[in-house]
N, C-alpha and C. Protein backbone atom coordinates (compact mmCIF):
# COMPACT_ATOMS: atom_id res chain seq x y z
N MET A 1 -9.43 -3.97 8.84
CA MET A 1 -8.20 -3.01 8.46
C MET A 1 -8.36 -2.54 7.59
N SER A 2 -8.06 -1.09 6.70
CA SER A 2 -7.84 -1.17 5.34
C SER A 2 -6.73 -1.00 5.14
N ILE A 3 -6.33 -1.50 3.60
CA ILE A 3 -5.02 -1.60 3.23
C ILE A 3 -4.89 -0.18 2.77
N LEU A 4 -3.72 0.78 2.79
CA LEU A 4 -3.20 2.12 1.82
C LEU A 4 -2.97 1.86 0.73
N PRO A 5 -3.20 2.24 -0.47
CA PRO A 5 -2.47 2.59 -1.89
C PRO A 5 -1.13 2.92 -1.58
N MET A 6 -0.43 2.21 -2.69
CA MET A 6 1.10 2.57 -2.52
C MET A 6 1.04 4.02 -2.65
N ASP A 7 2.40 4.79 -2.16
CA ASP A 7 2.51 6.28 -2.40
C ASP A 7 2.75 6.59 -4.04
N ILE A 8 2.28 7.26 -4.84
CA ILE A 8 2.16 7.52 -6.22
C ILE A 8 3.50 7.60 -6.73
N ARG A 9 4.29 8.21 -5.93
CA ARG A 9 5.44 8.71 -6.28
C ARG A 9 6.37 7.27 -6.43
N GLN A 10 5.92 6.39 -5.25
CA GLN A 10 6.87 5.29 -5.30
C GLN A 10 5.99 4.28 -6.63
N ALA A 11 4.81 4.13 -6.86
CA ALA A 11 4.67 3.18 -7.55
C ALA A 11 5.25 3.74 -9.46
N PHE A 12 5.28 5.38 -9.43
CA PHE A 12 5.70 5.78 -10.52
C PHE A 12 7.23 5.34 -10.61
N GLY A 13 8.04 5.45 -9.44
CA GLY A 13 9.26 5.18 -9.40
C GLY A 13 9.71 3.85 -10.01
N GLN A 14 8.84 3.20 -9.02
CA GLN A 14 9.12 1.47 -9.43
C GLN A 14 8.77 1.26 -10.97
N ASN A 15 7.94 1.55 -11.29
CA ASN A 15 7.05 1.48 -13.16
C ASN A 15 8.00 1.75 -13.93
N LEU A 16 8.93 2.84 -13.42
CA LEU A 16 9.84 3.61 -14.29
C LEU A 16 11.18 3.07 -14.46
N ARG A 17 11.43 2.42 -13.24
CA ARG A 17 12.79 1.58 -13.19
C ARG A 17 12.46 0.21 -13.82
N ARG A 18 11.08 -0.33 -13.81
CA ARG A 18 10.89 -1.53 -14.47
C ARG A 18 11.11 -1.30 -15.74
N PHE A 19 10.37 -0.56 -16.21
CA PHE A 19 10.04 -0.03 -17.70
C PHE A 19 11.41 0.32 -18.37
N ARG A 20 12.15 1.09 -17.62
CA ARG A 20 13.83 1.16 -18.16
C ARG A 20 14.80 0.06 -18.13
N MET A 21 14.41 -0.57 -17.35
CA MET A 21 15.22 -2.01 -17.58
C MET A 21 14.85 -2.99 -18.61
N ARG A 22 13.31 -3.24 -18.69
CA ARG A 22 13.12 -3.76 -19.50
C ARG A 22 13.32 -3.50 -21.39
N ALA A 23 13.41 -2.19 -21.46
CA ALA A 23 13.82 -1.41 -22.49
C ALA A 23 15.41 -1.52 -22.78
N GLY A 24 16.35 -2.17 -21.90
CA GLY A 24 17.70 -2.30 -21.77
C GLY A 24 18.70 -0.90 -21.93
N LEU A 25 17.89 0.35 -21.02
CA LEU A 25 18.19 1.35 -21.02
C LEU A 25 18.94 1.74 -19.42
N SER A 26 20.37 2.75 -19.63
CA SER A 26 20.70 2.78 -18.17
C SER A 26 19.88 4.63 -17.75
N GLN A 27 20.42 4.79 -16.11
CA GLN A 27 19.20 5.79 -16.00
C GLN A 27 20.11 7.06 -16.83
N GLU A 28 21.49 6.97 -17.10
CA GLU A 28 21.91 7.89 -18.09
C GLU A 28 21.32 7.83 -19.25
N ALA A 29 21.23 7.03 -20.13
CA ALA A 29 20.69 7.32 -21.56
C ALA A 29 19.27 7.64 -21.14
N VAL A 30 18.28 7.42 -20.20
CA VAL A 30 17.01 7.93 -19.62
C VAL A 30 17.00 9.31 -19.87
N ALA A 31 18.23 9.68 -18.42
CA ALA A 31 18.22 11.34 -18.18
C ALA A 31 18.85 12.44 -19.81
N GLU A 32 19.20 11.58 -20.75
CA GLU A 32 19.68 12.28 -21.91
C GLU A 32 18.53 12.70 -22.85
N ARG A 33 17.31 10.88 -22.89
CA ARG A 33 16.24 11.71 -23.74
C ARG A 33 15.15 12.49 -23.05
N MET A 34 15.46 12.38 -21.76
CA MET A 34 14.62 13.41 -20.90
C MET A 34 15.06 14.73 -20.94
N GLY A 35 16.33 15.19 -20.96
CA GLY A 35 16.94 16.31 -20.91
C GLY A 35 17.10 16.51 -19.65
N VAL A 36 17.39 15.82 -19.04
CA VAL A 36 17.82 15.89 -17.21
C VAL A 36 18.95 15.34 -16.95
N ASP A 37 19.08 15.47 -15.46
CA ASP A 37 20.78 14.67 -15.34
C ASP A 37 20.34 13.51 -14.62
N ARG A 38 21.35 12.27 -14.49
CA ARG A 38 21.08 11.55 -14.43
C ARG A 38 20.43 11.03 -12.83
N ALA A 39 20.91 11.97 -11.88
CA ALA A 39 20.46 11.95 -10.60
C ALA A 39 19.11 11.95 -10.62
N HIS A 40 18.54 12.70 -11.00
CA HIS A 40 17.19 13.14 -11.48
C HIS A 40 16.69 12.12 -11.41
N VAL A 41 16.43 11.28 -12.57
CA VAL A 41 16.28 10.00 -13.14
C VAL A 41 16.38 9.14 -11.77
N SER A 42 17.68 8.94 -10.79
CA SER A 42 17.81 8.32 -9.83
C SER A 42 16.67 8.82 -8.93
N SER A 43 16.52 9.65 -8.41
CA SER A 43 15.31 10.37 -7.58
C SER A 43 14.26 10.10 -7.82
N MET A 44 14.04 10.21 -9.19
CA MET A 44 12.32 9.68 -9.26
C MET A 44 12.11 8.22 -9.22
N GLU A 45 13.12 7.52 -9.48
CA GLU A 45 13.14 6.03 -9.68
C GLU A 45 12.93 5.38 -7.99
N ARG A 46 13.13 6.56 -6.90
CA ARG A 46 13.20 6.29 -5.63
C ARG A 46 12.33 6.63 -5.24
N GLY A 47 11.22 7.26 -5.94
CA GLY A 47 10.00 7.98 -4.94
C GLY A 47 10.01 9.20 -4.45
N ARG A 48 11.44 9.97 -4.80
CA ARG A 48 11.56 11.06 -4.01
C ARG A 48 11.24 12.42 -4.87
N GLN A 49 10.99 12.12 -6.14
CA GLN A 49 10.36 13.15 -6.55
C GLN A 49 9.07 13.35 -6.98
N ASN A 50 8.42 14.60 -6.94
CA ASN A 50 7.45 15.03 -7.04
C ASN A 50 6.79 15.61 -8.58
N VAL A 51 6.73 14.49 -9.53
CA VAL A 51 6.78 14.93 -10.76
C VAL A 51 5.86 16.05 -11.40
N THR A 52 6.16 16.60 -12.08
CA THR A 52 4.98 16.92 -13.12
C THR A 52 4.34 16.24 -14.02
N LEU A 53 3.35 16.83 -14.89
CA LEU A 53 2.89 16.07 -15.76
C LEU A 53 3.68 16.20 -17.15
N LEU A 54 4.59 16.89 -17.28
CA LEU A 54 5.65 17.37 -18.37
C LEU A 54 6.49 16.38 -18.19
N THR A 55 6.93 16.32 -16.96
CA THR A 55 8.12 15.18 -16.35
C THR A 55 7.48 13.57 -16.53
N LEU A 56 6.15 13.52 -16.35
CA LEU A 56 5.93 12.33 -16.33
C LEU A 56 5.63 11.88 -18.16
N TRP A 57 5.27 12.63 -18.70
CA TRP A 57 5.24 12.34 -19.85
C TRP A 57 6.71 12.49 -21.03
N HIS A 58 7.54 13.02 -20.35
CA HIS A 58 9.03 13.10 -20.97
C HIS A 58 9.52 11.05 -20.55
N ALA A 59 9.23 11.61 -19.09
CA ALA A 59 9.79 9.92 -18.59
C ALA A 59 9.20 8.89 -19.73
N ALA A 60 7.58 8.58 -20.13
CA ALA A 60 7.00 7.82 -20.73
C ALA A 60 7.41 7.74 -21.72
N GLN A 61 8.01 8.49 -22.57
CA GLN A 61 8.65 8.65 -24.09
C GLN A 61 9.72 8.05 -23.79
N ALA A 62 10.41 8.38 -22.85
CA ALA A 62 11.58 7.61 -22.89
C ALA A 62 11.93 6.51 -23.03
N VAL A 63 11.27 5.69 -22.16
CA VAL A 63 11.13 4.55 -21.79
C VAL A 63 10.06 3.67 -22.64
N GLY A 64 9.50 4.51 -23.64
CA GLY A 64 8.49 3.63 -24.49
C GLY A 64 7.00 3.03 -24.10
N VAL A 65 6.68 3.90 -23.23
CA VAL A 65 5.23 3.48 -22.39
C VAL A 65 4.21 4.79 -22.37
N THR A 66 2.95 4.57 -22.25
CA THR A 66 2.25 5.52 -22.01
C THR A 66 2.14 6.29 -20.48
N PRO A 67 1.94 7.43 -20.70
CA PRO A 67 2.11 8.01 -19.12
C PRO A 67 1.23 7.20 -18.17
N ALA A 68 0.24 6.50 -18.64
CA ALA A 68 -0.76 5.71 -17.93
C ALA A 68 -0.06 4.87 -16.85
N ALA A 69 0.97 4.26 -17.81
CA ALA A 69 1.69 2.64 -17.62
C ALA A 69 2.96 3.08 -16.23
N LEU A 70 3.26 4.59 -16.39
CA LEU A 70 3.81 4.55 -15.23
C LEU A 70 2.74 4.83 -14.10
N LEU A 71 2.09 5.06 -13.99
CA LEU A 71 1.28 5.28 -12.43
C LEU A 71 0.12 4.02 -11.79
N GLU A 72 0.31 3.27 -12.77
CA GLU A 72 0.08 2.19 -12.22
C GLU A 72 0.11 1.57 -10.87
N ASP A 73 -0.74 1.09 -10.23
CA ASP A 73 -0.52 0.53 -8.89
C ASP A 73 0.68 -0.24 -8.94
N ALA A 74 1.33 -1.30 -8.06
CA ALA A 74 1.98 -2.24 -7.97
C ALA A 74 1.13 -3.49 -7.95
N PRO A 75 1.39 -4.51 -8.64
CA PRO A 75 0.27 -5.49 -8.72
C PRO A 75 0.29 -5.94 -7.28
N ALA A 76 -1.19 -6.37 -7.48
CA ALA A 76 -1.41 -7.12 -6.04
C ALA A 76 -0.95 -8.73 -5.80
N ALA A 77 -0.72 -8.68 -4.40
CA ALA A 77 -0.06 -10.16 -4.69
C ALA A 77 -1.31 -10.77 -4.82
N LYS A 78 -0.68 -12.29 -5.39
CA LYS A 78 -1.80 -13.49 -5.54
C LYS A 78 -2.14 -13.87 -4.13
N PRO A 79 -3.28 -14.33 -4.14
CA PRO A 79 -3.69 -15.19 -2.75
C PRO A 79 -3.21 -16.40 -2.71
N ALA A 80 -2.82 -16.97 -1.60
CA ALA A 80 -2.14 -17.97 -1.66
C ALA A 80 -3.17 -19.65 -2.10
N ARG A 81 -3.04 -20.41 -2.75
CA ARG A 81 -3.80 -21.25 -2.61
C ARG A 81 -4.04 -22.46 -1.29
N SER A 82 -5.27 -22.79 -1.48
CA SER A 82 -5.59 -23.59 0.00
C SER A 82 -4.96 -25.09 -0.15
N SER A 83 -4.16 -25.86 0.85
CA SER A 83 -3.96 -27.03 0.15
C SER A 83 -4.95 -27.93 0.54
N LYS A 84 -5.87 -27.70 1.56
CA LYS A 84 -6.79 -28.61 1.52
C LYS A 84 -7.89 -28.87 0.03
N MET A 85 -8.40 -29.98 0.34
CA MET A 85 -9.20 -30.71 -1.05
C MET A 85 -10.70 -30.54 -0.24
N PRO A 86 -11.41 -29.95 -1.24
CA PRO A 86 -13.06 -30.06 -0.91
C PRO A 86 -13.58 -31.77 -0.42
């Protein structure tokens, strides 16, 4: 069974929220920096928006990261350690 990658809109939204919070910014502050409404930022963070390249660039600038950082897939879960001793 193959594992499907995360929806790019979901990955973008999760990354945008993570970097926004890391920067200590509210959705309103990011919206102001981007020149959009706060509801638009909220919609992007929830993975509901199919953003343009220009919006991607503005979002990255607003939270201080590269556009590529906003597109990274969610980190894979670390495999569990085996409790068996060799």
